[in-house]
Amino acid sequence: MPHSLDIYLNERRVGVITNIDNDQNVFVFDEEYVADPERPTLSLGFLDASGNLAPQTRMPQTKLLPFFANLLPEGHLRKYLAERGHVNPARDFPLLWLLGADLPGAIIAKHSQGHSPLHDDSVVSTEVEGDPKVLKFSLAGIQLKFSAIKESRGGLTIPTHGQNGTWILKMPSATYANVPENEFAMMTLARSVGIEIPDIELVDSGTVRNLPEIRTDLGKALLVRRFDRDEHRRIHIEDFAQIFAQYPDDKYKHVSYTNMLSGIYRAMGEKEAEEFVRRLVFNIAIGNADMHLKNWSVIYKDGKTPTLSPAYDYLSTILYIPDDQLALTIVRERGWTAITYDLLERFARRASVPRGIVLNAARDMVDRLNEKWPTSPISLTIEQRNRLTAHMNSVPILSGSGKTIAPGGFLPRRERNTAASPIEIS
């Protein structure tokens, strides 16, 4: 028996997903949505080269279309929520059925026979649907995290079903030590060099009310304010895996930073292309080898116009895996020591972006880092600080060994004071 989920952007119905007998999933746009020239944007990935909605002809089996598949959690978090919802973690449709009321961005998946679920155990059992102990939120990504509410007195609680939280509580890792502290430090540094980030805090996970039975003895948790929610509405976002129609498992494949830069420049313009380059240079500087497609997003503040979202998931991965390389390629290069101004000039040319946009944005971020990093009061150990400084000195555009651009590029590079000793705060 086919089952359907109506897909909404806030209160606007945009289409329907139907799961048919062989577990294929069909998505069809709502005719009124297609005909409306003022319609809100569902995804840049659903537009053709002329900016028109393209009919969806794919009928994936077991999976949903990439846009919807990327609304669902991955890895341990996916398994965790699926087990508690008694659904098969390999099937996308039942997970969307279970979690559809609290998805990332402004997407809502409602059961097509009304706001109440069908009384049919073939998708999700009615017992599970009504069980307050079953968490029914979706946050994309692998890391174990929960949707949280901040109480008026400052405490934190996980709401019933996990739904409608305005904060994300990112739990510590049993594999890598102090990941929340690392991310807090890198996000704080990002803010100091002018990158927009959401509000963040380090908290004791043991003090969070209504947390499921999980380990709380692994260290601090990171609390991040959701930028896809405010007090009154859901704000639509999508990540670049959705934009490029890539499944979560392919977030490190097929698409390069060159593709991303080209798409941003064409769809969003010069300002956003510059900001993308600044953020990319920052993540090269901190040794973040995990900036895959899902760790970049756009936000639709007016419902239609895409801009880069606030930054998130900034982590110095080289502190855990020293030999890591970039998650995606820049003109076929992944190595930190390959990042020269010559490479960035080729980066601009391959992306069909004026070289001045790329080179000036890169130089701007290098200057900001040269100014802020040596005295940045972020909480790293002396060893971590020294390792990160050594990494920065190995990157040509940061160390001063990158080729200086000839006249017609930006101004000659300011000499870096490599003798300055950073202030170490453990």
Protein backbone atom coordinates (compact mmCIF):
# COMPACT_ATOMS: atom_id res chain seq x y z
CA MET A 1 0.00 0.00 0.00
CA PRO A 2 1.50 3.38 -1.02
CA HIS A 3 2.09 5.96 1.68
CA SER A 4 2.60 9.67 1.18
CA LEU A 5 4.17 12.62 2.96
CA ASP A 6 3.19 16.16 2.08
CA ILE A 7 6.23 18.43 1.99
CA TYR A 8 5.86 21.98 3.28
CA LEU A 9 8.08 25.03 3.53
CA ASN A 10 6.62 26.36 6.76
CA GLU A 11 2.92 26.56 5.83
CA ARG A 12 3.42 26.42 2.05
CA ARG A 13 2.86 23.02 0.47
CA VAL A 14 5.50 22.40 -2.18
CA GLY A 15 4.94 18.76 -3.13
CA VAL A 16 4.43 15.18 -2.05
CA ILE A 17 6.66 12.13 -1.59
CA THR A 18 5.01 8.76 -2.24
CA ASN A 19 6.55 5.49 -1.13
CA ILE A 20 5.37 2.72 -3.44
CA ASP A 21 5.35 -1.05 -2.99
CA ASN A 22 8.93 -1.81 -4.04
CA ASP A 23 10.22 0.89 -1.65
CA GLN A 24 10.78 3.39 -4.43
CA ASN A 25 10.20 7.00 -3.49
CA VAL A 26 8.61 9.47 -5.89
CA PHE A 27 8.61 13.24 -5.35
CA VAL A 28 6.19 15.44 -7.31
CA PHE A 29 5.96 19.23 -7.04
CA ASP A 30 2.63 20.81 -6.17
CA GLU A 31 1.16 22.43 -9.33
CA GLU A 32 0.32 25.69 -7.53
CA TYR A 33 3.86 25.91 -6.20
CA VAL A 34 5.31 25.41 -9.70
CA ALA A 35 3.00 28.06 -11.20
CA ASP A 36 3.77 30.70 -8.58
CA PRO A 37 6.56 33.08 -9.74
CA GLU A 38 6.91 34.36 -6.15
CA ARG A 39 7.27 30.91 -4.63
CA PRO A 40 9.78 30.42 -1.80
CA THR A 41 12.94 28.51 -2.74
CA LEU A 42 12.99 24.84 -1.83
CA SER A 43 16.48 24.14 -3.18
CA LEU A 44 18.92 25.50 -5.74
CA GLY A 45 19.42 21.85 -6.63
CA PHE A 46 15.90 21.64 -8.08
CA LEU A 47 16.52 24.49 -10.56
CA ASP A 48 17.70 24.08 -14.15
CA ALA A 49 20.27 26.33 -15.86
CA SER A 50 17.55 28.91 -16.56
CA GLY A 51 16.42 29.04 -12.94
CA ASN A 52 13.20 27.13 -13.55
CA LEU A 53 11.97 24.19 -11.50
CA ALA A 54 13.06 20.95 -13.14
CA PRO A 55 10.64 17.99 -13.03
CA GLN A 56 11.93 15.15 -10.84
CA THR A 57 12.20 11.90 -12.76
CA ARG A 58 14.41 9.91 -10.37
CA MET A 59 12.68 7.20 -8.32
CA PRO A 60 15.37 6.01 -5.89
CA GLN A 61 14.82 2.74 -4.10
CA THR A 62 15.17 2.68 -0.30
CA LYS A 63 16.61 6.19 -0.43
CA LEU A 64 14.85 9.51 -0.93
CA LEU A 65 16.07 12.08 -3.42
CA PRO A 66 19.36 13.59 -2.18
CA PHE A 67 17.71 16.82 -1.02
CA PHE A 68 15.44 14.92 1.39
CA ALA A 69 18.01 12.27 2.30
CA ASN A 70 20.28 15.05 3.55
CA LEU A 71 17.62 16.19 6.02
CA LEU A 72 18.16 12.97 7.95
CA PRO A 73 20.94 12.21 10.44
CA GLU A 74 23.89 9.99 9.60
CA GLY A 75 26.02 7.39 11.31
CA HIS A 76 25.61 6.85 15.05
CA LEU A 77 22.88 9.47 15.39
CA ARG A 78 20.83 7.86 12.61
CA LYS A 79 21.21 4.43 14.17
CA TYR A 80 20.37 5.82 17.61
CA LEU A 81 17.11 7.48 16.48
CA ALA A 82 16.10 4.59 14.23
CA GLU A 83 16.55 2.02 16.99
CA ARG A 84 14.36 4.02 19.35
CA GLY A 85 11.76 4.52 16.64
CA HIS A 86 11.84 0.81 15.72
CA VAL A 87 12.43 1.57 12.05
CA ASN A 88 15.02 0.19 9.63
CA PRO A 89 17.93 2.70 9.54
CA ALA A 90 18.66 1.72 5.93
CA ARG A 91 15.29 3.08 4.73
CA ASP A 92 14.87 6.83 4.35
CA PHE A 93 11.08 7.08 4.07
CA PRO A 94 10.18 5.70 7.54
CA LEU A 95 12.81 7.96 9.11
CA LEU A 96 11.38 11.01 7.38
CA TRP A 97 7.91 9.84 8.48
CA LEU A 98 9.13 9.60 12.09
CA LEU A 99 11.19 12.82 12.19
CA GLY A 100 9.30 15.01 9.73
CA ALA A 101 7.84 17.47 12.25
CA ASP A 102 11.26 18.80 13.29
CA LEU A 103 13.67 18.77 10.34
CA PRO A 104 16.51 21.17 9.57
CA GLY A 105 15.43 24.45 8.02
CA ALA A 106 11.80 25.17 7.22
CA ILE A 107 10.93 21.74 5.78
CA ILE A 108 8.02 19.90 7.39
CA ALA A 109 6.90 16.43 6.27
CA LYS A 110 3.26 15.77 7.18
CA HIS A 111 1.32 12.57 6.76
CA SER A 112 -0.88 13.10 3.73
CA GLN A 113 -4.12 12.05 5.38
CA GLY A 114 -3.86 14.94 7.82
CA HIS A 115 -1.74 16.12 10.70
CA SER A 116 -2.12 12.83 12.57
CA PRO A 117 -0.18 9.77 11.40
CA LEU A 118 -1.85 6.93 9.60
CA HIS A 119 -2.79 4.08 11.86
CA ASP A 120 -0.63 1.69 9.90
CA ASP A 121 2.28 -0.14 11.48
CA SER A 122 3.89 -0.78 8.07
CA VAL A 123 5.68 2.60 8.26
CA VAL A 124 6.03 3.51 11.94
CA SER A 125 4.01 1.77 14.62
CA THR A 126 1.27 3.76 16.32
CA GLU A 127 2.78 2.80 19.67
CA VAL A 128 6.06 4.47 18.70
CA GLU A 129 4.25 7.50 17.27
CA GLY A 130 2.70 8.21 20.65
CA ASP A 131 5.63 7.27 22.89
CA PRO A 132 7.09 10.40 24.56
CA LYS A 133 10.39 8.58 25.13
CA VAL A 134 11.01 8.26 21.39
CA LEU A 135 12.97 11.25 20.11
CA LYS A 136 11.52 12.69 16.90
CA PHE A 137 13.92 15.40 15.75
CA SER A 138 16.42 15.40 12.92
CA LEU A 139 19.78 17.16 12.94
CA ALA A 140 22.00 16.40 9.97
CA GLY A 141 25.44 14.93 10.59
CA ILE A 142 27.16 12.03 12.34
CA GLN A 143 27.96 13.48 15.75
CA LEU A 144 25.62 12.57 18.59
CA LYS A 145 23.59 15.69 19.29
CA PHE A 146 20.23 16.73 20.66
CA SER A 147 17.74 19.50 20.16
CA ALA A 148 17.63 21.48 23.41
CA ILE A 149 15.65 24.27 25.06
CA LYS A 150 17.25 26.91 27.25
CA GLU A 151 15.11 27.61 30.28
CA SER A 152 14.47 31.09 31.63
CA ARG A 153 16.75 30.39 34.61
CA GLY A 154 19.59 29.34 32.32
CA GLY A 155 19.25 25.56 32.61
CA LEU A 156 19.00 23.22 29.65
CA THR A 157 16.43 20.55 28.93
CA ILE A 158 15.76 18.08 26.13
CA PRO A 159 12.07 18.55 25.25
CA THR A 160 9.59 15.70 24.98
CA HIS A 161 10.15 13.89 21.67
CA GLY A 162 13.28 16.09 21.31
CA GLN A 163 11.29 18.47 19.14
CA ASN A 164 11.19 22.26 18.83
CA GLY A 165 14.50 23.05 20.47
CA THR A 166 16.24 26.29 19.53
CA TRP A 167 19.70 25.07 20.54
CA ILE A 168 21.84 22.09 19.48
CA LEU A 169 23.67 20.17 22.19
CA LYS A 170 26.72 18.46 20.64
CA MET A 171 28.00 15.67 22.83
CA PRO A 172 31.68 14.82 23.46
CA SER A 173 33.32 11.96 21.58
CA ALA A 174 34.50 8.68 23.06
CA THR A 175 37.06 8.41 20.25
CA TYR A 176 38.63 11.88 20.16
CA ALA A 177 39.23 13.89 23.32
CA ASN A 178 37.86 17.39 23.84
CA VAL A 179 36.13 17.79 20.48
CA PRO A 180 33.61 20.33 21.89
CA GLU A 181 36.46 22.36 23.41
CA ASN A 182 38.33 22.24 20.09
CA GLU A 183 35.28 23.39 18.15
CA PHE A 184 34.56 26.14 20.68
CA ALA A 185 38.13 27.43 20.29
CA MET A 186 38.07 27.37 16.48
CA MET A 187 34.63 29.00 16.31
CA THR A 188 35.77 31.69 18.73
CA LEU A 189 38.82 32.35 16.55
CA ALA A 190 36.54 32.50 13.49
CA ARG A 191 34.42 35.16 15.13
CA SER A 192 37.53 37.19 15.98
CA VAL A 193 38.51 37.36 12.29
CA GLY A 194 35.05 38.47 11.18
CA ILE A 195 33.30 35.21 10.29
CA GLU A 196 29.66 35.10 11.37
CA ILE A 197 28.98 32.27 13.80
CA PRO A 198 25.96 31.43 15.99
CA ASP A 199 26.02 31.86 19.76
CA ILE A 200 28.02 29.05 21.39
CA GLU A 201 28.73 27.85 24.94
CA LEU A 202 30.55 24.99 26.63
CA VAL A 203 28.32 23.23 29.16
CA ASP A 204 28.45 20.30 31.55
CA SER A 205 26.34 17.64 29.83
CA GLY A 206 25.57 16.06 33.19
CA THR A 207 23.44 19.06 34.13
CA VAL A 208 21.10 18.80 31.12
CA ARG A 209 17.59 17.73 32.12
CA ASN A 210 15.77 14.91 30.32
CA LEU A 211 18.89 13.71 28.51
CA PRO A 212 18.57 10.06 27.34
CA GLU A 213 20.67 7.40 29.04
CA ILE A 214 24.03 8.10 27.42
CA ARG A 215 27.52 8.73 28.78
CA THR A 216 27.97 12.16 30.34
CA ASP A 217 31.46 11.57 31.74
CA LEU A 218 33.43 12.33 28.59
CA GLY A 219 33.85 16.06 29.13
CA LYS A 220 32.06 19.22 28.14
CA ALA A 221 29.34 19.47 25.51
CA LEU A 222 29.01 22.30 23.00
CA LEU A 223 25.79 24.28 22.92
CA VAL A 224 25.04 26.03 19.62
CA ARG A 225 22.10 28.32 18.94
CA ARG A 226 20.16 27.16 15.87
CA PHE A 227 20.24 29.74 13.08
CA ASP A 228 17.37 27.96 11.30
CA ARG A 229 15.01 28.87 14.14
CA ASP A 230 13.94 32.07 15.86
CA GLU A 231 11.20 32.73 18.40
CA HIS A 232 8.45 32.85 15.80
CA ARG A 233 9.38 30.79 12.74
CA ARG A 234 11.55 28.27 11.00
CA ILE A 235 14.14 29.73 8.64
CA HIS A 236 14.95 27.71 5.55
CA ILE A 237 18.49 26.45 4.99
CA GLU A 238 20.13 23.82 2.81
CA ASP A 239 23.63 22.41 2.71
CA PHE A 240 25.79 22.02 -0.37
CA ALA A 241 25.18 18.29 -0.61
CA GLN A 242 21.54 19.21 -1.18
CA ILE A 243 22.45 21.93 -3.67
CA PHE A 244 24.65 19.56 -5.69
CA ALA A 245 22.20 16.63 -5.31
CA GLN A 246 24.77 14.41 -3.58
CA TYR A 247 23.87 11.73 -1.05
CA PRO A 248 25.42 12.03 2.43
CA ASP A 249 27.80 9.13 1.69
CA ASP A 250 29.16 11.15 -1.24
CA LYS A 251 29.88 14.36 0.68
CA TYR A 252 33.64 13.94 0.09
CA LYS A 253 33.30 12.90 -3.58
CA HIS A 254 32.34 14.25 -7.00
CA VAL A 255 32.21 17.97 -6.05
CA SER A 256 35.22 20.24 -5.48
CA TYR A 257 35.73 23.62 -3.83
CA THR A 258 36.10 24.91 -7.39
CA ASN A 259 32.57 23.73 -8.20
CA MET A 260 31.31 25.37 -5.03
CA LEU A 261 32.99 28.70 -5.75
CA SER A 262 31.66 28.74 -9.30
CA GLY A 263 28.11 28.00 -8.14
CA ILE A 264 28.22 30.59 -5.36
CA TYR A 265 29.46 33.30 -7.69
CA ARG A 266 26.78 32.55 -10.31
CA ALA A 267 23.88 32.15 -7.87
CA MET A 268 24.79 34.60 -5.09
CA GLY A 269 27.26 37.09 -6.49
CA GLU A 270 30.60 38.65 -5.64
CA LYS A 271 30.06 39.31 -1.93
CA GLU A 272 29.22 35.70 -1.11
CA ALA A 273 32.04 34.39 -3.31
CA GLU A 274 34.49 36.55 -1.35
CA GLU A 275 33.13 35.27 1.94
CA PHE A 276 33.41 31.67 0.75
CA VAL A 277 37.09 32.20 -0.07
CA ARG A 278 37.75 33.86 3.29
CA ARG A 279 36.15 30.94 5.13
CA LEU A 280 38.02 28.42 3.01
CA VAL A 281 41.36 30.09 3.81
CA PHE A 282 40.44 30.15 7.51
CA ASN A 283 39.75 26.40 7.52
CA ILE A 284 43.01 25.74 5.70
CA ALA A 285 44.75 27.77 8.43
CA ILE A 286 43.24 25.79 11.31
CA GLY A 287 43.84 22.46 9.59
CA ASN A 288 40.17 21.52 9.22
CA ALA A 289 40.15 18.48 6.95
CA ASP A 290 36.42 17.87 7.43
CA MET A 291 34.88 20.77 5.48
CA HIS A 292 32.85 18.49 3.23
CA LEU A 293 29.66 19.47 1.39
CA LYS A 294 27.43 19.13 4.43
CA ASN A 295 29.54 21.54 6.47
CA TRP A 296 28.68 24.45 4.18
CA SER A 297 25.12 25.80 3.97
CA VAL A 298 23.05 28.62 2.56
CA ILE A 299 20.22 30.37 4.36
CA TYR A 300 17.06 31.92 2.90
CA LYS A 301 16.31 34.76 5.30
CA ASP A 302 13.55 36.15 3.06
CA GLY A 303 12.45 32.70 1.90
CA LYS A 304 13.84 33.17 -1.63
CA THR A 305 17.36 34.64 -1.71
CA PRO A 306 20.33 32.40 -0.82
CA THR A 307 23.32 33.69 1.16
CA LEU A 308 25.96 31.79 3.08
CA SER A 309 24.66 30.72 6.47
CA PRO A 310 26.54 31.41 9.70
CA ALA A 311 29.58 29.15 9.96
CA TYR A 312 29.46 25.85 11.87
CA ASP A 313 31.46 22.67 12.54
CA TYR A 314 34.82 24.43 12.50
CA LEU A 315 37.32 21.99 14.02
CA SER A 316 41.09 21.61 13.88
CA THR A 317 41.22 17.97 12.75
CA ILE A 318 45.02 17.97 12.38
CA LEU A 319 45.24 17.98 16.17
CA TYR A 320 43.84 14.42 15.98
CA ILE A 321 45.02 13.22 12.57
CA PRO A 322 48.21 15.11 11.64
CA ASP A 323 48.39 13.74 8.08
CA ASP A 324 44.86 14.83 7.15
CA GLN A 325 44.28 16.72 3.90
CA LEU A 326 41.53 18.96 2.62
CA ALA A 327 38.12 17.30 2.44
CA LEU A 328 37.60 18.47 -1.16
CA THR A 329 40.01 19.53 -3.87
CA ILE A 330 41.19 22.95 -5.01
CA VAL A 331 42.18 22.51 -8.65
CA ARG A 332 42.88 18.81 -7.91
CA GLU A 333 45.03 19.63 -4.87
CA ARG A 334 44.30 18.55 -1.29
CA GLY A 335 47.61 19.09 0.48
CA TRP A 336 48.12 22.04 2.81
CA THR A 337 51.56 22.81 1.38
CA ALA A 338 50.07 23.13 -2.11
CA ILE A 339 48.04 26.23 -1.16
CA THR A 340 49.96 28.99 -2.92
CA TYR A 341 48.72 32.17 -4.55
CA ASP A 342 49.50 30.59 -7.91
CA LEU A 343 47.08 27.79 -7.03
CA LEU A 344 44.42 30.29 -5.94
CA GLU A 345 44.82 32.14 -9.24
CA ARG A 346 44.15 28.88 -11.09
CA PHE A 347 41.27 28.26 -8.64
CA ALA A 348 39.66 31.51 -9.76
CA ARG A 349 40.23 30.78 -13.44
CA ARG A 350 38.75 27.26 -13.24
CA ALA A 351 35.71 28.59 -11.37
CA SER A 352 35.24 31.42 -13.92
CA VAL A 353 35.50 33.97 -11.13
CA PRO A 354 37.51 37.21 -11.50
CA ARG A 355 40.95 36.61 -9.99
CA GLY A 356 40.77 39.76 -7.88
CA ILE A 357 37.74 38.42 -6.00
CA VAL A 358 39.60 35.26 -4.96
CA LEU A 359 43.04 36.72 -4.37
CA ASN A 360 41.92 39.79 -2.46
CA ALA A 361 39.59 37.73 -0.25
CA ALA A 362 42.38 35.25 0.48
CA ARG A 363 44.84 38.03 1.30
CA ASP A 364 42.25 39.70 3.52
CA MET A 365 41.82 36.55 5.62
CA VAL A 366 45.58 35.97 5.80
CA ASP A 367 46.04 39.51 7.15
CA ARG A 368 43.25 39.00 9.70
CA LEU A 369 44.84 35.76 10.90
CA ASN A 370 48.29 37.34 11.07
CA GLU A 371 46.81 40.00 13.31
CA LYS A 372 44.60 37.85 15.55
CA TRP A 373 46.24 34.42 15.87
CA PRO A 374 49.43 35.31 17.82
CA THR A 375 47.46 36.86 20.70
CA SER A 376 44.12 35.09 20.34
CA PRO A 377 42.90 34.12 23.84
CA ILE A 378 41.40 30.77 22.83
CA SER A 379 41.62 27.75 25.11
CA LEU A 380 44.20 25.39 23.64
CA THR A 381 47.05 23.67 25.40
CA ILE A 382 50.58 24.91 24.72
CA GLU A 383 51.25 21.77 22.70
CA GLN A 384 48.11 22.24 20.59
CA ARG A 385 48.91 25.90 20.06
CA ASN A 386 52.43 25.11 18.91
CA ARG A 387 51.24 22.35 16.59
CA LEU A 388 48.68 24.65 15.01
CA THR A 389 51.25 27.42 14.60
CA ALA A 390 53.62 24.93 12.93
CA HIS A 391 50.81 23.90 10.59
CA MET A 392 50.12 27.52 9.63
CA ASN A 393 53.83 28.02 8.93
CA SER A 394 53.70 25.07 6.52
CA VAL A 395 50.95 26.66 4.38
CA PRO A 396 52.60 28.90 1.75
CA ILE A 397 49.95 31.63 1.68
CA LEU A 398 50.15 31.92 5.48
CA SER A 399 53.90 31.63 5.91
CA GLY A 400 54.83 34.16 3.26
CA SER A 401 56.40 31.60 0.92
CA GLY A 402 53.49 31.73 -1.51
CA LYS A 403 54.24 33.61 -4.72
CA THR A 404 53.43 37.31 -4.51
CA ILE A 405 50.96 38.24 -7.21
CA ALA A 406 52.27 40.48 -9.98
CA PRO A 407 50.82 44.00 -10.58
CA GLY A 408 47.13 43.73 -11.34
CA GLY A 409 46.55 41.50 -8.33
CA PHE A 410 46.44 42.83 -4.81
CA LEU A 411 49.04 44.89 -2.94
CA PRO A 412 52.42 43.35 -2.04
CA ARG A 413 52.17 41.08 0.96
CA ARG A 414 52.94 42.47 4.40
CA GLU A 415 55.85 40.69 6.12
CA ARG A 416 54.72 38.33 8.85
CA ASN A 417 56.35 38.60 12.27
CA THR A 418 57.23 34.95 12.71
CA ALA A 419 59.31 35.72 15.80
CA ALA A 420 56.30 36.75 17.86
CA SER A 421 55.47 34.21 20.57
CA PRO A 422 51.75 33.38 20.88
CA ILE A 423 50.09 33.76 24.24
CA GLU A 424 49.43 30.24 25.47
CA ILE A 425 46.24 29.63 27.46
CA SER A 426 45.59 26.06 28.58
